[in-house]
Amino acid sequence: MQQSAVPELAHTHTRPIHWLATATAVAGVVALSSVLQPNSATAAQTAGPDVKNAPAAVAPPDPASVEFPLECGPVKAVVVKKASGDLDGDGSPETVAVVHCDAPMGTPPDGVYVLTRGTGTAAPRVVATLVNPKDSTTVSDLAVRDEAVIAELLTYSSDDVPRCCPDVKDSAKWQWQNGSFVRSTPAGAHSV
């Protein structure tokens, strides 16, 4: 049997009194930190001679107040997804809305619409259709990034595929170029 060169020390064995002392010390630190809080920040930036007042932020168009070009018969059109951002670089945000008929059964196809505010009016209006509901497409994801609309689309490989279960996944990207939205497929996107 080999013996350790360092003798066992009595204080290296934990006993209930050690745990009690540790818990008391931690409770003391927590209590003290809740009493001693830093003062509120009071720094304020003053406007210098070269600082211009920024215009008030413009709220993106609200899709709830828009009538979409969608024929739904006795049911209503519902906005299921939306994203906002400046798509044309004019400093005012646009809203992209995914809309479909509120059908009680099945998977209704989506339409993707771009909304903007007209000059001189606060009422939003549809200015572009990116996905037509007649194309039998469902939008699973939507985002606005870097002045572009990015979407994940679900479609059908043939008319034999049940309308409940899209079997093709596709990615699409739209950017404002020369007065219209141009569709491309983002790098790394592939169909299934």
C-alpha atoms as a PDB file:
ATOM      1  CA  MET A   1       0.000   0.000   0.000  1.00  0.00           C
ATOM      2  CA  GLN A   2       1.402   3.381  -1.013  1.00  0.00           C
ATOM      3  CA  GLN A   3       0.960   6.354   1.256  1.00  0.00           C
ATOM      4  CA  SER A   4       0.436   9.944   0.054  1.00  0.00           C
ATOM      5  CA  ALA A   5       3.306  12.385   0.535  1.00  0.00           C
ATOM      6  CA  VAL A   6       0.792  14.997   1.721  1.00  0.00           C
ATOM      7  CA  PRO A   7      -1.067  14.048   4.896  1.00  0.00           C
ATOM      8  CA  GLU A   8      -4.820  14.302   4.777  1.00  0.00           C
ATOM      9  CA  LEU A   9      -5.965  17.527   6.298  1.00  0.00           C
ATOM     10  CA  ALA A  10      -9.051  17.806   8.440  1.00  0.00           C
ATOM     11  CA  HIS A  11     -10.330  20.910   6.663  1.00  0.00           C
ATOM     12  CA  THR A  12     -10.537  19.151   3.269  1.00  0.00           C
ATOM     13  CA  HIS A  13     -13.532  17.075   4.346  1.00  0.00           C
ATOM     14  CA  THR A  14     -16.859  18.893   3.955  1.00  0.00           C
ATOM     15  CA  ARG A  15     -19.161  18.860   6.931  1.00  0.00           C
ATOM     16  CA  PRO A  16     -22.645  20.391   7.346  1.00  0.00           C
ATOM     17  CA  ILE A  17     -21.113  23.444   9.027  1.00  0.00           C
ATOM     18  CA  HIS A  18     -19.111  24.161   5.842  1.00  0.00           C
ATOM     19  CA  TRP A  19     -22.277  24.115   3.710  1.00  0.00           C
ATOM     20  CA  LEU A  20     -24.046  26.350   6.226  1.00  0.00           C
ATOM     21  CA  ALA A  21     -21.180  28.855   6.162  1.00  0.00           C
ATOM     22  CA  THR A  22     -21.137  28.879   2.340  1.00  0.00           C
ATOM     23  CA  ALA A  23     -24.924  29.377   2.120  1.00  0.00           C
ATOM     24  CA  THR A  24     -24.750  32.224   4.653  1.00  0.00           C
ATOM     25  CA  ALA A  25     -21.956  33.936   2.723  1.00  0.00           C
ATOM     26  CA  VAL A  26     -23.839  33.648  -0.617  1.00  0.00           C
ATOM     27  CA  ALA A  27     -27.038  34.987   0.981  1.00  0.00           C
ATOM     28  CA  GLY A  28     -25.080  37.912   2.392  1.00  0.00           C
ATOM     29  CA  VAL A  29     -23.614  38.783  -1.027  1.00  0.00           C
ATOM     30  CA  VAL A  30     -27.043  38.607  -2.695  1.00  0.00           C
ATOM     31  CA  ALA A  31     -28.644  40.756   0.011  1.00  0.00           C
ATOM     32  CA  LEU A  32     -25.854  43.323  -0.158  1.00  0.00           C
ATOM     33  CA  SER A  33     -25.991  43.504  -3.970  1.00  0.00           C
ATOM     34  CA  SER A  34     -29.739  44.185  -3.890  1.00  0.00           C
ATOM     35  CA  VAL A  35     -29.208  47.107  -1.487  1.00  0.00           C
ATOM     36  CA  LEU A  36     -26.217  48.638  -3.274  1.00  0.00           C
ATOM     37  CA  GLN A  37     -27.452  49.438  -6.790  1.00  0.00           C
ATOM     38  CA  PRO A  38     -25.775  51.862  -9.195  1.00  0.00           C
ATOM     39  CA  ASN A  39     -27.516  55.167  -9.877  1.00  0.00           C
ATOM     40  CA  SER A  40     -29.634  55.559 -12.994  1.00  0.00           C
ATOM     41  CA  ALA A  41     -27.799  56.663 -16.097  1.00  0.00           C
ATOM     42  CA  THR A  42     -28.210  60.379 -16.632  1.00  0.00           C
ATOM     43  CA  ALA A  43     -26.066  60.987 -19.695  1.00  0.00           C
ATOM     44  CA  ALA A  44     -27.801  62.852 -22.474  1.00  0.00           C
ATOM     45  CA  GLN A  45     -26.518  63.636 -25.912  1.00  0.00           C
ATOM     46  CA  THR A  46     -26.655  67.291 -26.780  1.00  0.00           C
ATOM     47  CA  ALA A  47     -27.253  68.422 -30.321  1.00  0.00           C
ATOM     48  CA  GLY A  48     -24.195  69.985 -31.857  1.00  0.00           C
ATOM     49  CA  PRO A  49     -24.180  72.413 -34.768  1.00  0.00           C
ATOM     50  CA  ASP A  50     -23.808  69.607 -37.350  1.00  0.00           C
ATOM     51  CA  VAL A  51     -26.544  67.330 -35.949  1.00  0.00           C
ATOM     52  CA  LYS A  52     -29.780  67.278 -37.954  1.00  0.00           C
ATOM     53  CA  ASN A  53     -33.105  66.222 -36.538  1.00  0.00           C
ATOM     54  CA  ALA A  54     -34.054  62.839 -37.952  1.00  0.00           C
ATOM     55  CA  PRO A  55     -37.546  62.555 -39.399  1.00  0.00           C
ATOM     56  CA  ALA A  56     -40.073  60.686 -37.301  1.00  0.00           C
ATOM     57  CA  ALA A  57     -40.132  56.977 -37.997  1.00  0.00           C
ATOM     58  CA  VAL A  58     -42.878  56.018 -40.405  1.00  0.00           C
ATOM     59  CA  ALA A  59     -44.952  53.015 -39.418  1.00  0.00           C
ATOM     60  CA  PRO A  60     -45.119  50.237 -42.008  1.00  0.00           C
ATOM     61  CA  PRO A  61     -48.464  49.759 -43.776  1.00  0.00           C
ATOM     62  CA  ASP A  62     -50.962  47.689 -41.778  1.00  0.00           C
ATOM     63  CA  PRO A  63     -52.354  44.809 -43.871  1.00  0.00           C
ATOM     64  CA  ALA A  64     -55.509  44.683 -41.706  1.00  0.00           C
ATOM     65  CA  SER A  65     -56.836  47.789 -43.470  1.00  0.00           C
ATOM     66  CA  VAL A  66     -56.246  46.596 -47.055  1.00  0.00           C
ATOM     67  CA  GLU A  67     -58.619  44.896 -49.460  1.00  0.00           C
ATOM     68  CA  PHE A  68     -56.581  42.234 -51.248  1.00  0.00           C
ATOM     69  CA  PRO A  69     -57.218  41.129 -54.855  1.00  0.00           C
ATOM     70  CA  LEU A  70     -58.376  37.697 -53.717  1.00  0.00           C
ATOM     71  CA  GLU A  71     -61.732  36.046 -54.455  1.00  0.00           C
ATOM     72  CA  CYS A  72     -62.828  34.165 -51.339  1.00  0.00           C
ATOM     73  CA  GLY A  73     -66.579  33.761 -51.876  1.00  0.00           C
ATOM     74  CA  PRO A  74     -68.439  33.528 -48.556  1.00  0.00           C
ATOM     75  CA  VAL A  75     -65.273  33.373 -46.391  1.00  0.00           C
ATOM     76  CA  LYS A  76     -62.867  36.167 -45.512  1.00  0.00           C
ATOM     77  CA  ALA A  77     -59.289  36.741 -46.629  1.00  0.00           C
ATOM     78  CA  VAL A  78     -56.858  36.416 -43.696  1.00  0.00           C
ATOM     79  CA  VAL A  79     -53.290  37.648 -43.312  1.00  0.00           C
ATOM     80  CA  VAL A  80     -51.251  34.671 -42.093  1.00  0.00           C
ATOM     81  CA  LYS A  81     -47.733  36.156 -42.221  1.00  0.00           C
ATOM     82  CA  LYS A  82     -46.239  39.603 -42.655  1.00  0.00           C
ATOM     83  CA  ALA A  83     -42.825  41.255 -42.742  1.00  0.00           C
ATOM     84  CA  SER A  84     -41.826  44.882 -43.134  1.00  0.00           C
ATOM     85  CA  GLY A  85     -38.806  46.788 -44.373  1.00  0.00           C
ATOM     86  CA  ASP A  86     -37.684  49.338 -46.926  1.00  0.00           C
ATOM     87  CA  LEU A  87     -37.731  47.446 -50.218  1.00  0.00           C
ATOM     88  CA  ASP A  88     -37.162  50.280 -52.682  1.00  0.00           C
ATOM     89  CA  GLY A  89     -34.618  52.364 -50.773  1.00  0.00           C
ATOM     90  CA  ASP A  90     -36.857  55.434 -50.367  1.00  0.00           C
ATOM     91  CA  GLY A  91     -36.601  55.478 -46.560  1.00  0.00           C
ATOM     92  CA  SER A  92     -40.221  54.395 -45.999  1.00  0.00           C
ATOM     93  CA  PRO A  93     -41.062  50.821 -45.032  1.00  0.00           C
ATOM     94  CA  GLU A  94     -43.233  48.535 -47.115  1.00  0.00           C
ATOM     95  CA  THR A  95     -45.133  45.519 -45.772  1.00  0.00           C
ATOM     96  CA  VAL A  96     -45.191  42.113 -47.433  1.00  0.00           C
ATOM     97  CA  ALA A  97     -48.296  40.109 -46.528  1.00  0.00           C
ATOM     98  CA  VAL A  98     -49.094  36.434 -47.040  1.00  0.00           C
ATOM     99  CA  VAL A  99     -52.861  36.141 -47.457  1.00  0.00           C
ATOM    100  CA  HIS A 100     -55.281  33.289 -48.150  1.00  0.00           C
ATOM    101  CA  CYS A 101     -58.981  32.575 -47.920  1.00  0.00           C
ATOM    102  CA  ASP A 102     -60.077  31.379 -44.486  1.00  0.00           C
ATOM    103  CA  ALA A 103     -61.273  28.023 -45.818  1.00  0.00           C
ATOM    104  CA  PRO A 104     -62.713  25.620 -43.227  1.00  0.00           C
ATOM    105  CA  MET A 105     -60.958  22.617 -44.831  1.00  0.00           C
ATOM    106  CA  GLY A 106     -57.871  21.855 -46.883  1.00  0.00           C
ATOM    107  CA  THR A 107     -54.809  23.966 -47.527  1.00  0.00           C
ATOM    108  CA  PRO A 108     -55.875  27.171 -49.247  1.00  0.00           C
ATOM    109  CA  PRO A 109     -53.226  28.636 -51.574  1.00  0.00           C
ATOM    110  CA  ASP A 110     -51.440  31.796 -50.479  1.00  0.00           C
ATOM    111  CA  GLY A 111     -51.001  35.096 -52.225  1.00  0.00           C
ATOM    112  CA  VAL A 112     -48.005  37.306 -51.419  1.00  0.00           C
ATOM    113  CA  TYR A 113     -48.620  41.039 -51.747  1.00  0.00           C
ATOM    114  CA  VAL A 114     -46.454  44.137 -51.279  1.00  0.00           C
ATOM    115  CA  LEU A 115     -48.137  47.090 -49.554  1.00  0.00           C
ATOM    116  CA  THR A 116     -47.072  50.713 -49.451  1.00  0.00           C
ATOM    117  CA  ARG A 117     -48.525  54.053 -48.490  1.00  0.00           C
ATOM    118  CA  GLY A 118     -49.409  56.372 -51.349  1.00  0.00           C
ATOM    119  CA  THR A 119     -47.904  59.829 -51.380  1.00  0.00           C
ATOM    120  CA  GLY A 120     -50.169  62.260 -49.581  1.00  0.00           C
ATOM    121  CA  THR A 121     -52.387  59.531 -48.172  1.00  0.00           C
ATOM    122  CA  ALA A 122     -52.135  57.400 -45.066  1.00  0.00           C
ATOM    123  CA  ALA A 123     -54.155  54.515 -46.521  1.00  0.00           C
ATOM    124  CA  PRO A 124     -52.009  51.521 -47.516  1.00  0.00           C
ATOM    125  CA  ARG A 125     -52.496  49.883 -50.905  1.00  0.00           C
ATOM    126  CA  VAL A 126     -51.313  46.794 -52.792  1.00  0.00           C
ATOM    127  CA  VAL A 127     -48.566  47.692 -55.283  1.00  0.00           C
ATOM    128  CA  ALA A 128     -47.347  44.238 -56.329  1.00  0.00           C
ATOM    129  CA  THR A 129     -48.333  40.571 -56.307  1.00  0.00           C
ATOM    130  CA  LEU A 130     -45.295  38.338 -55.782  1.00  0.00           C
ATOM    131  CA  VAL A 131     -47.176  35.028 -55.563  1.00  0.00           C
ATOM    132  CA  ASN A 132     -50.583  34.605 -57.166  1.00  0.00           C
ATOM    133  CA  PRO A 133     -52.994  32.281 -55.295  1.00  0.00           C
ATOM    134  CA  LYS A 134     -53.838  30.689 -58.670  1.00  0.00           C
ATOM    135  CA  ASP A 135     -50.344  29.135 -58.589  1.00  0.00           C
ATOM    136  CA  SER A 136     -51.406  26.796 -55.722  1.00  0.00           C
ATOM    137  CA  THR A 137     -48.483  27.821 -53.528  1.00  0.00           C
ATOM    138  CA  THR A 138     -48.201  27.832 -49.736  1.00  0.00           C
ATOM    139  CA  VAL A 139     -45.677  30.120 -48.030  1.00  0.00           C
ATOM    140  CA  SER A 140     -43.974  28.436 -45.080  1.00  0.00           C
ATOM    141  CA  ASP A 141     -41.578  31.265 -44.202  1.00  0.00           C
ATOM    142  CA  LEU A 142     -41.287  34.964 -45.050  1.00  0.00           C
ATOM    143  CA  ALA A 143     -38.695  37.647 -44.256  1.00  0.00           C
ATOM    144  CA  VAL A 144     -37.519  41.050 -45.441  1.00  0.00           C
ATOM    145  CA  ARG A 145     -33.722  41.417 -45.370  1.00  0.00           C
ATOM    146  CA  ASP A 146     -31.348  43.786 -47.143  1.00  0.00           C
ATOM    147  CA  GLU A 147     -34.111  45.381 -49.262  1.00  0.00           C
ATOM    148  CA  ALA A 148     -35.267  41.933 -50.464  1.00  0.00           C
ATOM    149  CA  VAL A 149     -38.223  39.643 -49.818  1.00  0.00           C
ATOM    150  CA  ILE A 150     -37.169  36.073 -49.033  1.00  0.00           C
ATOM    151  CA  ALA A 151     -39.693  33.227 -48.877  1.00  0.00           C
ATOM    152  CA  GLU A 152     -39.865  29.461 -48.557  1.00  0.00           C
ATOM    153  CA  LEU A 153     -42.552  28.149 -50.899  1.00  0.00           C
ATOM    154  CA  LEU A 154     -44.350  24.801 -50.903  1.00  0.00           C
ATOM    155  CA  THR A 155     -45.879  23.587 -54.172  1.00  0.00           C
ATOM    156  CA  TYR A 156     -46.999  20.402 -55.896  1.00  0.00           C
ATOM    157  CA  SER A 157     -44.999  18.273 -58.317  1.00  0.00           C
ATOM    158  CA  SER A 158     -48.139  17.247 -60.244  1.00  0.00           C
ATOM    159  CA  ASP A 159     -51.925  17.436 -60.238  1.00  0.00           C
ATOM    160  CA  ASP A 160     -51.964  13.903 -58.764  1.00  0.00           C
ATOM    161  CA  VAL A 161     -50.557  15.113 -55.421  1.00  0.00           C
ATOM    162  CA  PRO A 162     -53.371  15.737 -52.885  1.00  0.00           C
ATOM    163  CA  ARG A 163     -53.952  19.469 -52.303  1.00  0.00           C
ATOM    164  CA  CYS A 164     -53.394  18.980 -48.571  1.00  0.00           C
ATOM    165  CA  CYS A 165     -49.805  17.929 -48.900  1.00  0.00           C
ATOM    166  CA  PRO A 166     -47.383  20.026 -51.000  1.00  0.00           C
ATOM    167  CA  ASP A 167     -44.376  17.907 -51.958  1.00  0.00           C
ATOM    168  CA  VAL A 168     -41.948  20.472 -53.430  1.00  0.00           C
ATOM    169  CA  LYS A 169     -40.055  23.042 -51.373  1.00  0.00           C
ATOM    170  CA  ASP A 170     -38.559  26.042 -53.126  1.00  0.00           C
ATOM    171  CA  SER A 171     -36.852  29.271 -52.068  1.00  0.00           C
ATOM    172  CA  ALA A 172     -37.476  32.605 -53.724  1.00  0.00           C
ATOM    173  CA  LYS A 173     -36.053  36.084 -53.419  1.00  0.00           C
ATOM    174  CA  TRP A 174     -37.548  39.275 -54.857  1.00  0.00           C
ATOM    175  CA  GLN A 175     -35.719  42.591 -55.206  1.00  0.00           C
ATOM    176  CA  TRP A 176     -36.883  45.949 -56.515  1.00  0.00           C
ATOM    177  CA  GLN A 177     -35.026  46.614 -59.791  1.00  0.00           C
ATOM    178  CA  ASN A 178     -35.869  49.175 -62.468  1.00  0.00           C
ATOM    179  CA  GLY A 179     -39.421  49.770 -61.251  1.00  0.00           C
ATOM    180  CA  SER A 180     -40.536  46.189 -60.565  1.00  0.00           C
ATOM    181  CA  PHE A 181     -39.848  43.204 -58.331  1.00  0.00           C
ATOM    182  CA  VAL A 182     -37.492  40.678 -59.929  1.00  0.00           C
ATOM    183  CA  ARG A 183     -37.535  37.084 -58.666  1.00  0.00           C
ATOM    184  CA  SER A 184     -34.417  35.010 -58.212  1.00  0.00           C
ATOM    185  CA  THR A 185     -33.508  31.870 -56.301  1.00  0.00           C
ATOM    186  CA  PRO A 186     -31.182  32.486 -53.325  1.00  0.00           C
ATOM    187  CA  ALA A 187     -27.803  30.768 -53.361  1.00  0.00           C
ATOM    188  CA  GLY A 188     -27.904  27.341 -51.745  1.00  0.00           C
ATOM    189  CA  ALA A 189     -31.640  26.847 -52.356  1.00  0.00           C
ATOM    190  CA  HIS A 190     -32.811  23.528 -53.731  1.00  0.00           C
ATOM    191  CA  SER A 191     -36.081  21.796 -54.363  1.00  0.00           C
ATOM    192  CA  VAL A 192     -37.090  18.577 -52.672  1.00  0.00           C
END
